[in-house]
Amino acid sequence: MLGRGQTRVWFAEGERSSTGSLQPFKPGVGLLLSYYAVPVIPVFTRGTYEAMPRGRFLRRLEQVTVTFGEPLASHDYDGSARSQEQIVQTVHDRVAALGER
């Protein structure tokens, strides 16, 4: 669990995009981060839609690029001072900014 120092990967959109664009994040990320004050590393993946669009079960040979952002410390999203929705938006904005590079 997060409280024990273990690492977790969250796919905050909850499902593959039907258009390839970044979708709103599900509220579970805000719930977890409001309870566990842990660092978050935003990650943006580019090319996954082309490699395996929604509804397709066999992967195409396409280049996939993974971009890691600067870690957000818990004070960057401060669960005690912000609502869960604000936490979700903060993390989403950081991931979206990586996609604009």
N, C-alpha and C. Protein backbone atom coordinates (compact mmCIF):
# COMPACT_ATOMS: atom_id res chain seq x y z
N MET A 1 0.84 -1.20 0.00
CA MET A 1 0.00 0.00 0.00
C MET A 1 0.87 1.25 0.00
N LEU A 2 0.27 2.34 -0.33
CA LEU A 2 1.00 3.60 -0.40
C LEU A 2 1.57 4.01 0.95
N GLY A 3 0.85 3.75 2.00
CA GLY A 3 1.30 4.13 3.32
C GLY A 3 2.53 3.38 3.78
N ARG A 4 2.86 2.30 3.11
CA ARG A 4 4.02 1.49 3.47
C ARG A 4 5.20 1.74 2.54
N GLY A 5 5.13 2.77 1.73
CA GLY A 5 6.25 3.14 0.87
C GLY A 5 6.35 2.37 -0.43
N GLN A 6 5.31 1.64 -0.80
CA GLN A 6 5.34 0.90 -2.05
C GLN A 6 4.89 1.80 -3.21
N THR A 7 5.42 1.53 -4.38
CA THR A 7 5.11 2.31 -5.57
C THR A 7 3.87 1.76 -6.25
N ARG A 8 3.08 2.65 -6.82
CA ARG A 8 1.88 2.28 -7.58
C ARG A 8 1.85 3.05 -8.88
N VAL A 9 1.29 2.44 -9.90
CA VAL A 9 1.05 3.10 -11.19
C VAL A 9 -0.45 3.22 -11.35
N TRP A 10 -0.92 4.43 -11.65
CA TRP A 10 -2.35 4.65 -11.86
C TRP A 10 -2.57 5.10 -13.29
N PHE A 11 -3.53 4.51 -13.92
CA PHE A 11 -3.99 4.97 -15.22
C PHE A 11 -5.24 5.79 -14.93
N ALA A 12 -5.00 7.06 -14.67
CA ALA A 12 -6.03 7.92 -14.08
C ALA A 12 -7.23 8.19 -15.00
N GLU A 13 -7.08 7.95 -16.30
CA GLU A 13 -8.21 8.13 -17.20
C GLU A 13 -9.21 6.98 -17.07
N GLY A 14 -8.74 5.84 -16.62
CA GLY A 14 -9.62 4.71 -16.37
C GLY A 14 -9.87 3.81 -17.56
N GLU A 15 -9.59 4.28 -18.77
CA GLU A 15 -9.80 3.47 -19.97
C GLU A 15 -9.05 4.11 -21.14
N ARG A 16 -8.92 3.36 -22.21
CA ARG A 16 -8.29 3.91 -23.41
C ARG A 16 -9.20 4.95 -24.05
N SER A 17 -8.59 5.98 -24.57
CA SER A 17 -9.32 7.06 -25.22
C SER A 17 -9.89 6.60 -26.56
N SER A 18 -11.08 7.04 -26.88
CA SER A 18 -11.67 6.72 -28.18
C SER A 18 -11.18 7.66 -29.28
N THR A 19 -10.49 8.74 -28.89
CA THR A 19 -10.01 9.72 -29.86
C THR A 19 -8.49 9.86 -29.88
N GLY A 20 -7.83 9.35 -28.86
CA GLY A 20 -6.39 9.50 -28.75
C GLY A 20 -5.98 10.71 -27.93
N SER A 21 -6.94 11.55 -27.55
CA SER A 21 -6.60 12.73 -26.75
C SER A 21 -6.71 12.39 -25.26
N LEU A 22 -6.02 13.19 -24.46
CA LEU A 22 -6.05 13.00 -23.01
C LEU A 22 -7.47 13.26 -22.50
N GLN A 23 -7.98 12.34 -21.72
CA GLN A 23 -9.33 12.41 -21.19
C GLN A 23 -9.30 12.95 -19.75
N PRO A 24 -10.44 13.37 -19.21
CA PRO A 24 -10.48 13.75 -17.79
C PRO A 24 -10.08 12.56 -16.92
N PHE A 25 -9.48 12.86 -15.79
CA PHE A 25 -9.08 11.80 -14.87
C PHE A 25 -10.25 11.42 -13.98
N LYS A 26 -10.28 10.17 -13.58
CA LYS A 26 -11.30 9.68 -12.66
C LYS A 26 -11.01 10.24 -11.26
N PRO A 27 -12.02 10.36 -10.42
CA PRO A 27 -11.84 10.98 -9.10
C PRO A 27 -11.03 10.16 -8.10
N GLY A 28 -10.78 8.89 -8.39
CA GLY A 28 -10.04 8.05 -7.44
C GLY A 28 -8.66 8.56 -7.11
N VAL A 29 -8.00 9.21 -8.08
CA VAL A 29 -6.67 9.77 -7.82
C VAL A 29 -6.75 10.83 -6.73
N GLY A 30 -7.75 11.69 -6.81
CA GLY A 30 -7.92 12.73 -5.79
C GLY A 30 -8.22 12.14 -4.43
N LEU A 31 -9.02 11.09 -4.41
CA LEU A 31 -9.35 10.42 -3.15
C LEU A 31 -8.09 9.85 -2.50
N LEU A 32 -7.31 9.12 -3.27
CA LEU A 32 -6.08 8.52 -2.73
C LEU A 32 -5.08 9.58 -2.27
N LEU A 33 -4.90 10.62 -3.10
CA LEU A 33 -3.90 11.63 -2.74
C LEU A 33 -4.36 12.55 -1.62
N SER A 34 -5.66 12.62 -1.38
CA SER A 34 -6.12 13.40 -0.23
C SER A 34 -5.88 12.63 1.07
N TYR A 35 -5.74 11.33 0.95
CA TYR A 35 -5.51 10.49 2.13
C TYR A 35 -4.03 10.20 2.34
N TYR A 36 -3.32 9.90 1.25
CA TYR A 36 -1.88 9.59 1.32
C TYR A 36 -1.09 10.75 0.73
N ALA A 37 -0.30 11.42 1.51
CA ALA A 37 0.54 12.52 1.04
C ALA A 37 1.84 11.93 0.50
N VAL A 38 1.78 11.47 -0.76
CA VAL A 38 2.93 10.83 -1.39
C VAL A 38 3.33 11.62 -2.64
N PRO A 39 4.59 11.51 -3.06
CA PRO A 39 4.99 12.17 -4.30
C PRO A 39 4.31 11.52 -5.51
N VAL A 40 4.09 12.31 -6.55
CA VAL A 40 3.46 11.84 -7.77
C VAL A 40 4.37 12.20 -8.93
N ILE A 41 4.66 11.23 -9.79
CA ILE A 41 5.44 11.51 -10.99
C ILE A 41 4.49 11.47 -12.17
N PRO A 42 4.21 12.64 -12.79
CA PRO A 42 3.32 12.65 -13.95
C PRO A 42 4.02 12.02 -15.15
N VAL A 43 3.27 11.25 -15.92
CA VAL A 43 3.81 10.56 -17.09
C VAL A 43 2.84 10.73 -18.26
N PHE A 44 3.39 11.05 -19.43
CA PHE A 44 2.58 11.16 -20.64
C PHE A 44 3.10 10.16 -21.65
N THR A 45 2.20 9.36 -22.20
CA THR A 45 2.60 8.41 -23.25
C THR A 45 2.02 8.89 -24.58
N ARG A 46 2.86 8.90 -25.59
CA ARG A 46 2.46 9.33 -26.93
C ARG A 46 2.62 8.15 -27.88
N GLY A 47 1.62 7.92 -28.71
CA GLY A 47 1.70 6.86 -29.70
C GLY A 47 0.92 5.61 -29.34
N THR A 48 0.38 5.56 -28.14
CA THR A 48 -0.36 4.36 -27.74
C THR A 48 -1.67 4.23 -28.50
N TYR A 49 -2.30 5.35 -28.84
CA TYR A 49 -3.55 5.29 -29.60
C TYR A 49 -3.30 4.70 -30.98
N GLU A 50 -2.21 5.13 -31.61
CA GLU A 50 -1.87 4.62 -32.94
C GLU A 50 -1.48 3.14 -32.87
N ALA A 51 -0.80 2.76 -31.79
CA ALA A 51 -0.35 1.38 -31.65
C ALA A 51 -1.49 0.43 -31.32
N MET A 52 -2.45 0.91 -30.56
CA MET A 52 -3.55 0.03 -30.17
C MET A 52 -4.79 0.86 -29.85
N PRO A 53 -5.49 1.34 -30.89
CA PRO A 53 -6.69 2.14 -30.65
C PRO A 53 -7.77 1.32 -29.94
N ARG A 54 -8.64 2.02 -29.31
CA ARG A 54 -9.74 1.38 -28.60
C ARG A 54 -10.52 0.47 -29.55
N GLY A 55 -10.86 -0.72 -29.09
CA GLY A 55 -11.58 -1.68 -29.90
C GLY A 55 -10.69 -2.61 -30.69
N ARG A 56 -9.41 -2.34 -30.71
CA ARG A 56 -8.45 -3.20 -31.41
C ARG A 56 -7.76 -4.08 -30.38
N PHE A 57 -7.57 -5.34 -30.72
CA PHE A 57 -6.99 -6.27 -29.76
C PHE A 57 -5.57 -6.69 -30.12
N LEU A 58 -5.15 -6.45 -31.34
CA LEU A 58 -3.78 -6.74 -31.73
C LEU A 58 -3.03 -5.43 -31.92
N ARG A 59 -1.85 -5.36 -31.35
CA ARG A 59 -1.04 -4.15 -31.38
C ARG A 59 -0.41 -3.95 -32.75
N ARG A 60 -0.38 -2.70 -33.22
CA ARG A 60 0.33 -2.34 -34.44
C ARG A 60 1.76 -1.96 -34.07
N LEU A 61 2.67 -2.10 -35.00
CA LEU A 61 4.05 -1.69 -34.76
C LEU A 61 4.16 -0.18 -34.97
N GLU A 62 4.07 0.54 -33.89
CA GLU A 62 4.16 2.00 -33.88
C GLU A 62 5.12 2.42 -32.78
N GLN A 63 5.73 3.56 -32.96
CA GLN A 63 6.61 4.09 -31.92
C GLN A 63 5.77 4.65 -30.77
N VAL A 64 6.14 4.28 -29.56
CA VAL A 64 5.50 4.81 -28.36
C VAL A 64 6.57 5.52 -27.55
N THR A 65 6.28 6.76 -27.17
CA THR A 65 7.21 7.57 -26.39
C THR A 65 6.61 7.83 -25.01
N VAL A 66 7.42 7.64 -23.99
CA VAL A 66 6.99 7.89 -22.62
C VAL A 66 7.80 9.06 -22.08
N THR A 67 7.09 10.10 -21.60
CA THR A 67 7.74 11.29 -21.05
C THR A 67 7.42 11.39 -19.57
N PHE A 68 8.46 11.47 -18.76
CA PHE A 68 8.31 11.60 -17.31
C PHE A 68 8.50 13.06 -16.92
N GLY A 69 7.60 13.55 -16.10
CA GLY A 69 7.68 14.92 -15.62
C GLY A 69 8.40 15.00 -14.28
N GLU A 70 8.57 16.22 -13.84
CA GLU A 70 9.15 16.45 -12.51
C GLU A 70 8.18 15.95 -11.45
N PRO A 71 8.68 15.31 -10.42
CA PRO A 71 7.78 14.82 -9.36
C PRO A 71 7.03 15.96 -8.67
N LEU A 72 5.79 15.71 -8.32
CA LEU A 72 5.02 16.63 -7.51
C LEU A 72 5.14 16.14 -6.07
N ALA A 73 5.65 16.99 -5.21
CA ALA A 73 5.67 16.67 -3.79
C ALA A 73 4.26 16.86 -3.24
N SER A 74 3.99 16.28 -2.10
CA SER A 74 2.63 16.38 -1.56
C SER A 74 2.21 17.84 -1.34
N HIS A 75 3.16 18.74 -1.05
CA HIS A 75 2.77 20.15 -0.86
C HIS A 75 2.37 20.82 -2.18
N ASP A 76 2.72 20.18 -3.35
CA ASP A 76 2.30 20.73 -4.64
C ASP A 76 0.81 20.53 -4.89
N TYR A 77 0.23 19.54 -4.24
CA TYR A 77 -1.21 19.32 -4.39
C TYR A 77 -1.93 19.33 -3.06
N ASP A 78 -1.21 19.37 -1.96
CA ASP A 78 -1.68 19.53 -0.58
C ASP A 78 -3.14 19.12 -0.36
N GLY A 79 -3.33 17.85 -0.14
CA GLY A 79 -4.66 17.30 0.06
C GLY A 79 -5.44 17.92 1.20
N SER A 80 -4.76 18.44 2.21
CA SER A 80 -5.48 19.02 3.35
C SER A 80 -6.09 20.38 3.01
N ALA A 81 -5.49 21.08 2.04
CA ALA A 81 -5.98 22.42 1.72
C ALA A 81 -6.82 22.46 0.44
N ARG A 82 -6.81 21.38 -0.31
CA ARG A 82 -7.52 21.37 -1.58
C ARG A 82 -8.55 20.26 -1.62
N SER A 83 -9.55 20.45 -2.44
CA SER A 83 -10.55 19.42 -2.61
C SER A 83 -9.98 18.30 -3.49
N GLN A 84 -10.61 17.16 -3.46
CA GLN A 84 -10.18 16.03 -4.28
C GLN A 84 -10.23 16.40 -5.76
N GLU A 85 -11.23 17.19 -6.16
CA GLU A 85 -11.35 17.61 -7.55
C GLU A 85 -10.16 18.49 -7.96
N GLN A 86 -9.71 19.36 -7.05
CA GLN A 86 -8.57 20.22 -7.34
C GLN A 86 -7.28 19.40 -7.45
N ILE A 87 -7.16 18.37 -6.63
CA ILE A 87 -5.99 17.49 -6.71
C ILE A 87 -5.96 16.80 -8.07
N VAL A 88 -7.11 16.24 -8.48
CA VAL A 88 -7.21 15.58 -9.78
C VAL A 88 -6.83 16.55 -10.89
N GLN A 89 -7.32 17.77 -10.83
CA GLN A 89 -7.04 18.76 -11.88
C GLN A 89 -5.56 19.12 -11.91
N THR A 90 -4.93 19.25 -10.75
CA THR A 90 -3.51 19.57 -10.68
C THR A 90 -2.68 18.48 -11.36
N VAL A 91 -2.97 17.23 -11.04
CA VAL A 91 -2.22 16.12 -11.64
C VAL A 91 -2.51 16.06 -13.14
N HIS A 92 -3.76 16.21 -13.53
CA HIS A 92 -4.13 16.18 -14.95
C HIS A 92 -3.40 17.29 -15.72
N ASP A 93 -3.35 18.48 -15.16
CA ASP A 93 -2.69 19.61 -15.82
C ASP A 93 -1.20 19.33 -16.03
N ARG A 94 -0.57 18.69 -15.05
CA ARG A 94 0.85 18.36 -15.19
C ARG A 94 1.07 17.33 -16.29
N VAL A 95 0.20 16.33 -16.37
CA VAL A 95 0.31 15.32 -17.42
C VAL A 95 0.05 15.97 -18.79
N ALA A 96 -0.98 16.81 -18.88
CA ALA A 96 -1.30 17.48 -20.14
C ALA A 96 -0.14 18.35 -20.62
N ALA A 97 0.52 19.04 -19.71
CA ALA A 97 1.66 19.88 -20.08
C ALA A 97 2.79 19.06 -20.69
N LEU A 98 2.96 17.85 -20.24
CA LEU A 98 4.00 16.97 -20.82
C LEU A 98 3.66 16.64 -22.27
N GLY A 99 2.37 16.53 -22.58
CA GLY A 99 1.94 16.24 -23.94
C GLY A 99 2.10 17.40 -24.89
N GLU A 100 2.30 18.60 -24.36
CA GLU A 100 2.45 19.79 -25.19
C GLU A 100 3.88 20.04 -25.59
N ARG A 101 4.79 19.26 -25.05
CA ARG A 101 6.22 19.45 -25.37
C ARG A 101 6.53 19.05 -26.77
